Amino acid sequence: MRTLRTSTSAAVVGASIALALSACGGSSSGSASAGGGSGNSSGKKIVYITPNPVGSNSFLKLGVEGAQQAAQQAGAQFKLYESTDPTSISQNVDAAVRSKPDLIVGISFSFDDVFAAATKAHPDQQFLEVDSCVKGQQPKNLTCVAFKEHEAAYVAGVEAGKITKSGKIGVVAALDTPFIHRWVEPFFEGAKSVNPSVQGTALYVGGQNPFSDPARAKAQAQTLAGRGVDVVLAAASAGNEGVFQAAAASGFKAFGVDSNQCPDSKGVVIDNVLKRVDVAEAAAIKDVLGGAPGGFKVYGLKEKGVGVGAVLGGQFLTDCTVASDSAATAAAKKANDEVVAGTVTVKDPLQG
């Protein structure tokens, strides 16, 4: 059974998301324009589907906020459908197609298979897949945007290599898969580039809900702390909260991912492997609604689609402990420049 929700502003992705009209099939839905009920000036409509409930997932929050802002700028109506499992993802896509919006957006690799089928079955419907793309030949009615997370993870690793005192760093990641390894090996590689004696250990959350299990993530972080690890990259989505709790209790420092997680865990988070989903989405949505769909754009350090707070500064560095570490900050900026210039190439674990 699908869960349909509609937001009226970027801030509403949290607890303030309100349910409105009752939909068929026993689901709940709402209808409002993006931008606080300012009206649907363009007559266009965007349906945004998540693979899991947004909740405290910083990646999904950022994605929803970015799409809402893009919809508001285009004067388009915005509807959010939150899924809970693969079955509800398919149901939400079916429901979205029936509503005949100008664009259906799905975020993450969870949409690879369902969009592969939906684009063929509905060739006149435009789709946007964020953070992945269907395998094989890309359909003409599908636009894709993705990111070079491994480049930002490498720069964060450089910071870790400068900061660690024990010489032992770790990663708590959601799953042991090639895609998730984009946050693992490059992080260790970056650390070793400035501190060759560094030892890296990765542990995985796994279980029934690997992207939203703070308890299991916390337990894995505690295991790393028990092995003498003093810097941990938290790559467990909504489970990151558990890593930060372990850091506060055990005395190690951590890195967040996707958005700036430093303000919510002050004194614990060094920096973040940032993924600027809002930037990529805004550009893609503008293109599709403007009549130029299709294509597959990948955002890396050069495009400023990924990065770390030590380099991007401003709001991305607020309350991050690296702000007071001039050596780590300087090393991060140097590494960033080297990757952008092409003098350093970061291997992508997803490519084997």
Protein backbone atom coordinates (compact mmCIF):
# COMPACT_ATOMS: atom_id res chain seq x y z
CA MET A 1 0.00 0.00 0.00
CA ARG A 2 1.48 3.30 -0.99
CA THR A 3 1.99 6.33 1.21
CA LEU A 4 1.30 9.62 -0.54
CA ARG A 5 2.19 12.91 1.07
CA THR A 6 2.39 16.45 -0.17
CA SER A 7 4.55 19.26 1.20
CA THR A 8 3.96 22.97 0.93
CA SER A 9 7.48 24.25 1.67
CA ALA A 10 11.04 23.02 1.91
CA ALA A 11 10.89 22.91 5.68
CA VAL A 12 7.92 20.58 5.74
CA VAL A 13 9.88 17.40 4.99
CA GLY A 14 10.21 16.60 8.67
CA ALA A 15 7.52 16.12 11.27
CA SER A 16 5.43 18.91 9.78
CA ILE A 17 4.49 16.97 6.64
CA ALA A 18 0.70 16.98 6.72
CA LEU A 19 -1.66 14.37 5.34
CA ALA A 20 -4.70 15.66 3.54
CA LEU A 21 -7.08 13.97 1.13
CA SER A 22 -7.91 10.28 1.25
CA ALA A 23 -6.86 8.37 -1.87
CA CYS A 24 -8.14 5.17 -3.35
CA GLY A 25 -6.79 1.89 -2.07
CA GLY A 26 -6.75 3.06 1.53
CA SER A 27 -3.70 5.29 1.06
CA SER A 28 -3.32 8.88 2.18
CA SER A 29 -2.45 11.76 -0.07
CA GLY A 30 -2.38 15.50 -0.19
CA SER A 31 -2.44 18.22 -2.80
CA ALA A 32 -0.78 21.60 -2.57
CA SER A 33 1.55 23.72 -4.59
CA ALA A 34 5.21 23.97 -3.71
CA GLY A 35 5.92 27.26 -2.03
CA GLY A 36 3.33 27.48 0.71
CA GLY A 37 0.13 27.40 -1.33
CA SER A 38 1.22 30.20 -3.64
CA GLY A 39 -0.67 28.67 -6.54
CA ASN A 40 0.23 26.56 -9.53
CA SER A 41 1.14 29.41 -11.89
CA SER A 42 2.64 27.27 -14.65
CA GLY A 43 0.04 24.52 -14.59
CA LYS A 44 2.82 21.94 -14.29
CA LYS A 45 3.05 19.14 -11.74
CA ILE A 46 5.95 17.16 -10.28
CA VAL A 47 5.60 13.92 -8.34
CA TYR A 48 8.59 12.98 -6.18
CA ILE A 49 8.94 9.41 -4.89
CA THR A 50 11.33 8.26 -2.16
CA PRO A 51 12.40 4.64 -1.55
CA ASN A 52 11.88 4.99 2.22
CA PRO A 53 10.08 7.40 4.56
CA VAL A 54 12.03 10.66 4.71
CA GLY A 55 12.19 10.76 8.51
CA SER A 56 15.69 11.67 9.70
CA ASN A 57 17.41 10.52 6.49
CA SER A 58 19.56 13.54 5.58
CA PHE A 59 19.98 12.40 1.98
CA LEU A 60 16.24 12.08 1.38
CA LYS A 61 15.55 15.34 3.18
CA LEU A 62 18.02 17.16 0.97
CA GLY A 63 16.55 15.58 -2.15
CA VAL A 64 12.99 16.53 -1.25
CA GLU A 65 13.96 20.08 -0.31
CA GLY A 66 15.88 20.55 -3.57
CA ALA A 67 12.99 19.31 -5.68
CA GLN A 68 10.50 21.45 -3.78
CA GLN A 69 12.60 24.54 -4.36
CA ALA A 70 12.95 23.73 -8.06
CA ALA A 71 9.19 23.21 -8.32
CA GLN A 72 8.55 26.50 -6.59
CA GLN A 73 10.88 28.32 -8.98
CA ALA A 74 9.05 26.77 -11.92
CA GLY A 75 5.63 27.57 -10.42
CA ALA A 76 4.81 23.87 -10.46
CA GLN A 77 2.65 21.80 -8.12
CA PHE A 78 4.70 19.39 -5.98
CA LYS A 79 3.59 16.06 -4.51
CA LEU A 80 5.67 13.76 -2.34
CA TYR A 81 5.06 10.00 -2.28
CA GLU A 82 6.98 8.16 0.43
CA SER A 83 7.58 4.44 -0.07
CA THR A 84 8.34 1.83 2.55
CA ASP A 85 9.59 -1.15 0.52
CA PRO A 86 10.07 -2.34 -3.10
CA THR A 87 6.38 -3.17 -3.47
CA SER A 88 5.26 0.29 -2.37
CA ILE A 89 7.84 1.87 -4.71
CA SER A 90 6.16 0.13 -7.65
CA GLN A 91 2.72 1.09 -6.37
CA ASN A 92 3.77 4.71 -5.97
CA VAL A 93 5.19 4.82 -9.49
CA ASP A 94 1.95 3.37 -10.85
CA ALA A 95 -0.08 5.94 -8.91
CA ALA A 96 2.17 8.74 -10.13
CA VAL A 97 1.79 7.68 -13.76
CA ARG A 98 -1.99 7.65 -13.39
CA SER A 99 -1.94 11.24 -12.15
CA LYS A 100 -0.18 12.28 -15.41
CA PRO A 101 2.31 14.82 -14.02
CA ASP A 102 4.87 16.64 -16.16
CA LEU A 103 7.67 14.83 -14.33
CA ILE A 104 8.06 11.83 -12.02
CA VAL A 105 11.20 11.86 -9.91
CA GLY A 106 12.69 8.84 -8.13
CA ILE A 107 15.74 9.03 -5.90
CA SER A 108 18.37 6.28 -5.49
CA PHE A 109 19.24 3.01 -7.19
CA SER A 110 16.02 1.55 -5.78
CA PHE A 111 14.31 2.91 -8.89
CA ASP A 112 16.60 1.25 -11.47
CA ASP A 113 14.31 -1.68 -12.26
CA VAL A 114 10.93 -0.03 -11.81
CA PHE A 115 11.90 2.96 -13.99
CA ALA A 116 13.32 0.63 -16.63
CA ALA A 117 9.86 -0.90 -16.96
CA ALA A 118 7.81 2.27 -16.44
CA THR A 119 9.65 4.32 -19.07
CA LYS A 120 8.96 1.66 -21.70
CA ALA A 121 5.32 1.22 -20.70
CA HIS A 122 4.70 4.98 -20.67
CA PRO A 123 6.89 6.55 -23.40
CA ASP A 124 5.05 9.89 -23.23
CA GLN A 125 5.73 10.33 -19.50
CA GLN A 126 8.95 12.06 -18.42
CA PHE A 127 11.00 10.53 -15.58
CA LEU A 128 14.02 11.74 -13.61
CA GLU A 129 16.23 9.36 -11.64
CA VAL A 130 18.48 10.96 -9.04
CA ASP A 131 21.66 9.32 -7.79
CA SER A 132 21.50 6.45 -10.30
CA CYS A 133 20.27 5.42 -13.74
CA VAL A 134 18.70 2.36 -15.28
CA LYS A 135 21.12 -0.27 -16.51
CA GLY A 136 21.68 -0.73 -20.23
CA GLN A 137 20.38 1.71 -22.82
CA GLN A 138 18.90 4.82 -21.27
CA PRO A 139 15.29 5.48 -22.40
CA LYS A 140 14.65 8.79 -24.18
CA ASN A 141 12.05 9.78 -21.61
CA LEU A 142 14.43 9.32 -18.68
CA THR A 143 16.82 11.97 -17.38
CA CYS A 144 19.52 10.88 -14.93
CA VAL A 145 21.83 12.69 -12.53
CA ALA A 146 24.47 11.05 -10.35
CA PHE A 147 27.48 11.96 -8.26
CA LYS A 148 31.15 11.14 -7.81
CA GLU A 149 30.89 10.48 -4.09
CA HIS A 150 34.25 8.75 -4.15
CA GLU A 151 36.01 12.05 -4.93
CA ALA A 152 34.60 13.77 -1.84
CA ALA A 153 35.25 10.68 0.28
CA TYR A 154 38.91 10.82 -0.78
CA VAL A 155 39.21 14.45 0.37
CA ALA A 156 37.52 13.60 3.68
CA GLY A 157 40.04 10.79 4.04
CA VAL A 158 42.86 13.31 3.67
CA GLU A 159 41.37 15.21 6.60
CA ALA A 160 41.12 11.97 8.59
CA GLY A 161 44.76 11.16 7.86
CA LYS A 162 45.80 14.50 9.29
CA ILE A 163 43.53 14.26 12.32
CA THR A 164 43.91 10.67 13.56
CA LYS A 165 46.21 10.20 16.53
CA SER A 166 45.93 6.42 16.81
CA GLY A 167 46.57 5.85 13.11
CA LYS A 168 43.36 3.79 12.99
CA ILE A 169 40.32 5.04 11.10
CA GLY A 170 37.05 3.34 10.19
CA VAL A 171 33.80 3.46 8.26
CA VAL A 172 30.34 2.40 9.40
CA ALA A 173 28.43 1.88 6.15
CA ALA A 174 24.91 0.69 5.43
CA LEU A 175 25.70 -2.22 3.11
CA ASP A 176 28.69 -4.10 1.74
CA THR A 177 28.00 -3.28 -1.94
CA PRO A 178 30.08 -1.72 -4.76
CA PHE A 179 28.05 1.50 -4.63
CA ILE A 180 28.48 1.93 -0.88
CA HIS A 181 32.18 1.18 -1.24
CA ARG A 182 32.45 4.61 -2.87
CA TRP A 183 32.59 5.94 0.70
CA VAL A 184 35.00 3.29 1.96
CA GLU A 185 38.13 2.64 -0.14
CA PRO A 186 38.54 6.27 -1.30
CA PHE A 187 38.31 7.44 2.33
CA PHE A 188 41.12 5.09 3.30
CA GLU A 189 43.08 6.01 0.16
CA GLY A 190 42.88 9.71 0.97
CA ALA A 191 44.07 9.13 4.53
CA LYS A 192 47.02 7.05 3.39
CA SER A 193 48.02 9.69 0.84
CA VAL A 194 49.02 11.97 3.74
CA ASN A 195 49.65 9.34 6.42
CA PRO A 196 50.90 6.06 4.87
CA SER A 197 50.81 4.16 8.17
CA VAL A 198 47.04 4.60 8.59
CA GLN A 199 45.00 1.41 9.02
CA GLY A 200 41.39 1.39 7.84
CA THR A 201 38.52 -0.89 8.94
CA ALA A 202 34.98 -0.94 7.55
CA LEU A 203 31.95 -2.44 9.30
CA TYR A 204 28.45 -2.66 7.86
CA VAL A 205 25.00 -2.14 9.36
CA GLY A 206 23.12 -4.73 7.29
CA GLY A 207 19.96 -6.22 8.76
CA GLN A 208 16.39 -5.51 7.68
CA ASN A 209 16.77 -1.73 7.49
CA PRO A 210 20.43 -0.92 6.80
CA PHE A 211 19.80 2.72 5.86
CA SER A 212 17.71 3.54 8.91
CA ASP A 213 18.98 1.59 11.90
CA PRO A 214 20.76 3.86 14.42
CA ALA A 215 21.03 1.05 16.99
CA ARG A 216 22.97 -1.31 14.71
CA ALA A 217 25.09 1.57 13.37
CA LYS A 218 25.92 2.60 16.94
CA ALA A 219 26.95 -0.96 17.84
CA GLN A 220 29.30 -1.15 14.85
CA ALA A 221 30.82 2.22 15.75
CA GLN A 222 31.38 1.04 19.32
CA THR A 223 33.15 -2.03 17.96
CA LEU A 224 35.48 0.18 15.97
CA ALA A 225 36.14 2.35 19.02
CA GLY A 226 37.01 -0.78 20.98
CA ARG A 227 39.67 -1.54 18.38
CA GLY A 228 41.32 1.83 18.88
CA VAL A 229 39.76 3.65 15.94
CA ASP A 230 39.58 7.39 16.65
CA VAL A 231 38.06 8.68 13.38
CA VAL A 232 34.95 7.11 11.81
CA LEU A 233 33.12 7.98 8.61
CA ALA A 234 29.39 7.45 9.12
CA ALA A 235 27.86 6.31 5.82
CA ALA A 236 24.67 4.75 7.15
CA SER A 237 22.08 7.39 6.15
CA ALA A 238 19.54 7.71 8.98
CA GLY A 239 21.73 5.35 11.02
CA ASN A 240 24.41 8.04 11.30
CA GLU A 241 22.76 9.32 14.45
CA GLY A 242 23.82 6.11 16.18
CA VAL A 243 27.43 6.60 15.09
CA PHE A 244 27.43 10.13 16.46
CA GLN A 245 25.98 8.91 19.75
CA ALA A 246 28.77 6.35 20.00
CA ALA A 247 31.33 9.04 19.21
CA ALA A 248 30.06 11.28 21.97
CA ALA A 249 30.14 8.41 24.47
CA SER A 250 33.45 6.86 23.42
CA GLY A 251 35.47 9.98 22.61
CA PHE A 252 36.23 9.44 18.92
CA LYS A 253 35.35 11.86 16.10
CA ALA A 254 33.17 11.20 13.07
CA PHE A 255 32.38 12.36 9.55
CA GLY A 256 28.81 12.77 8.34
CA VAL A 257 27.48 12.43 4.80
CA ASP A 258 25.20 14.15 2.28
CA SER A 259 24.33 17.34 4.21
CA ASN A 260 26.05 19.24 7.03
CA GLN A 261 25.45 17.04 10.07
CA CYS A 262 27.78 19.03 12.32
CA PRO A 263 25.14 21.34 13.91
CA ASP A 264 23.10 18.42 15.21
CA SER A 265 26.13 16.76 16.82
CA LYS A 266 28.34 19.67 17.84
CA GLY A 267 31.86 18.80 18.86
CA VAL A 268 31.56 15.28 17.44
CA VAL A 269 31.46 15.70 13.65
CA ILE A 270 34.70 16.68 11.93
CA ASP A 271 33.26 17.38 8.48
CA ASN A 272 30.91 15.81 5.93
CA VAL A 273 31.13 14.03 2.59
CA LEU A 274 28.61 16.36 1.00
CA LYS A 275 26.34 15.45 -1.89
CA ARG A 276 24.60 18.51 -3.31
CA VAL A 277 21.51 16.73 -4.53
CA ASP A 278 19.55 19.99 -4.57
CA VAL A 279 21.90 21.53 -7.14
CA ALA A 280 21.71 18.55 -9.51
CA GLU A 281 17.95 18.21 -9.16
CA ALA A 282 17.28 21.88 -9.78
CA ALA A 283 19.25 21.84 -13.03
CA ALA A 284 17.61 18.62 -14.25
CA ILE A 285 14.07 19.68 -13.35
CA LYS A 286 14.58 23.02 -15.09
CA ASP A 287 15.78 21.24 -18.24
CA VAL A 288 12.89 18.77 -18.31
CA LEU A 289 10.17 21.34 -17.64
CA GLY A 290 11.84 23.62 -20.17
CA GLY A 291 11.49 21.02 -22.90
CA ALA A 292 15.01 19.60 -22.87
CA PRO A 293 14.74 16.18 -21.18
CA GLY A 294 17.16 13.28 -21.37
CA GLY A 295 20.86 12.98 -20.74
CA PHE A 296 22.93 11.71 -17.87
CA LYS A 297 25.01 14.24 -15.96
CA VAL A 298 27.47 13.25 -13.26
CA TYR A 299 28.54 15.79 -10.63
CA GLY A 300 31.97 15.62 -9.00
CA LEU A 301 34.31 17.99 -7.20
CA LYS A 302 34.87 20.03 -10.35
CA GLU A 303 31.14 20.67 -10.76
CA LYS A 304 30.80 21.27 -6.99
CA GLY A 305 28.13 18.60 -6.86
CA VAL A 306 30.08 16.86 -4.10
CA GLY A 307 32.61 18.18 -1.64
CA VAL A 308 33.58 18.69 1.98
CA GLY A 309 32.87 21.59 4.28
CA ALA A 310 36.56 22.40 4.71
CA VAL A 311 36.65 23.34 1.01
CA LEU A 312 33.15 24.68 0.36
CA GLY A 313 33.03 26.73 3.56
CA GLY A 314 30.07 28.83 4.67
CA GLN A 315 26.96 26.89 5.69
CA PHE A 316 28.71 23.64 4.82
CA LEU A 317 31.30 24.21 7.56
CA THR A 318 29.04 25.46 10.34
CA ASP A 319 29.85 23.78 13.70
CA CYS A 320 32.30 21.32 12.10
CA THR A 321 35.40 20.69 14.21
CA VAL A 322 37.72 20.81 11.19
CA ALA A 323 37.09 24.58 11.03
CA SER A 324 39.65 25.04 13.80
CA ASP A 325 42.20 22.63 12.31
CA SER A 326 44.27 24.63 9.83
CA ALA A 327 46.49 21.68 8.85
CA ALA A 328 43.56 19.40 7.96
CA THR A 329 41.75 22.22 6.17
CA ALA A 330 44.80 23.10 4.09
CA ALA A 331 45.37 19.45 3.20
CA ALA A 332 41.72 19.07 2.15
CA LYS A 333 41.89 22.12 -0.12
CA LYS A 334 45.12 20.86 -1.70
CA ALA A 335 43.63 17.41 -2.33
CA ASN A 336 40.46 18.94 -3.75
CA ASP A 337 42.47 21.09 -6.17
CA GLU A 338 44.53 18.11 -7.28
CA VAL A 339 41.45 16.04 -8.10
CA VAL A 340 39.80 18.94 -9.93
CA ALA A 341 42.98 19.58 -11.93
CA GLY A 342 43.27 15.89 -12.81
CA THR A 343 46.69 15.42 -11.23
CA VAL A 344 45.09 12.95 -8.81
CA THR A 345 42.54 10.41 -10.03
CA VAL A 346 40.34 8.72 -7.43
CA LYS A 347 39.42 5.16 -8.33
CA ASP A 348 35.68 4.53 -8.41
CA PRO A 349 34.85 1.26 -6.60
CA LEU A 350 31.58 1.08 -8.51
CA GLN A 351 33.53 0.61 -11.73
CA GLY A 352 35.50 -2.34 -10.36
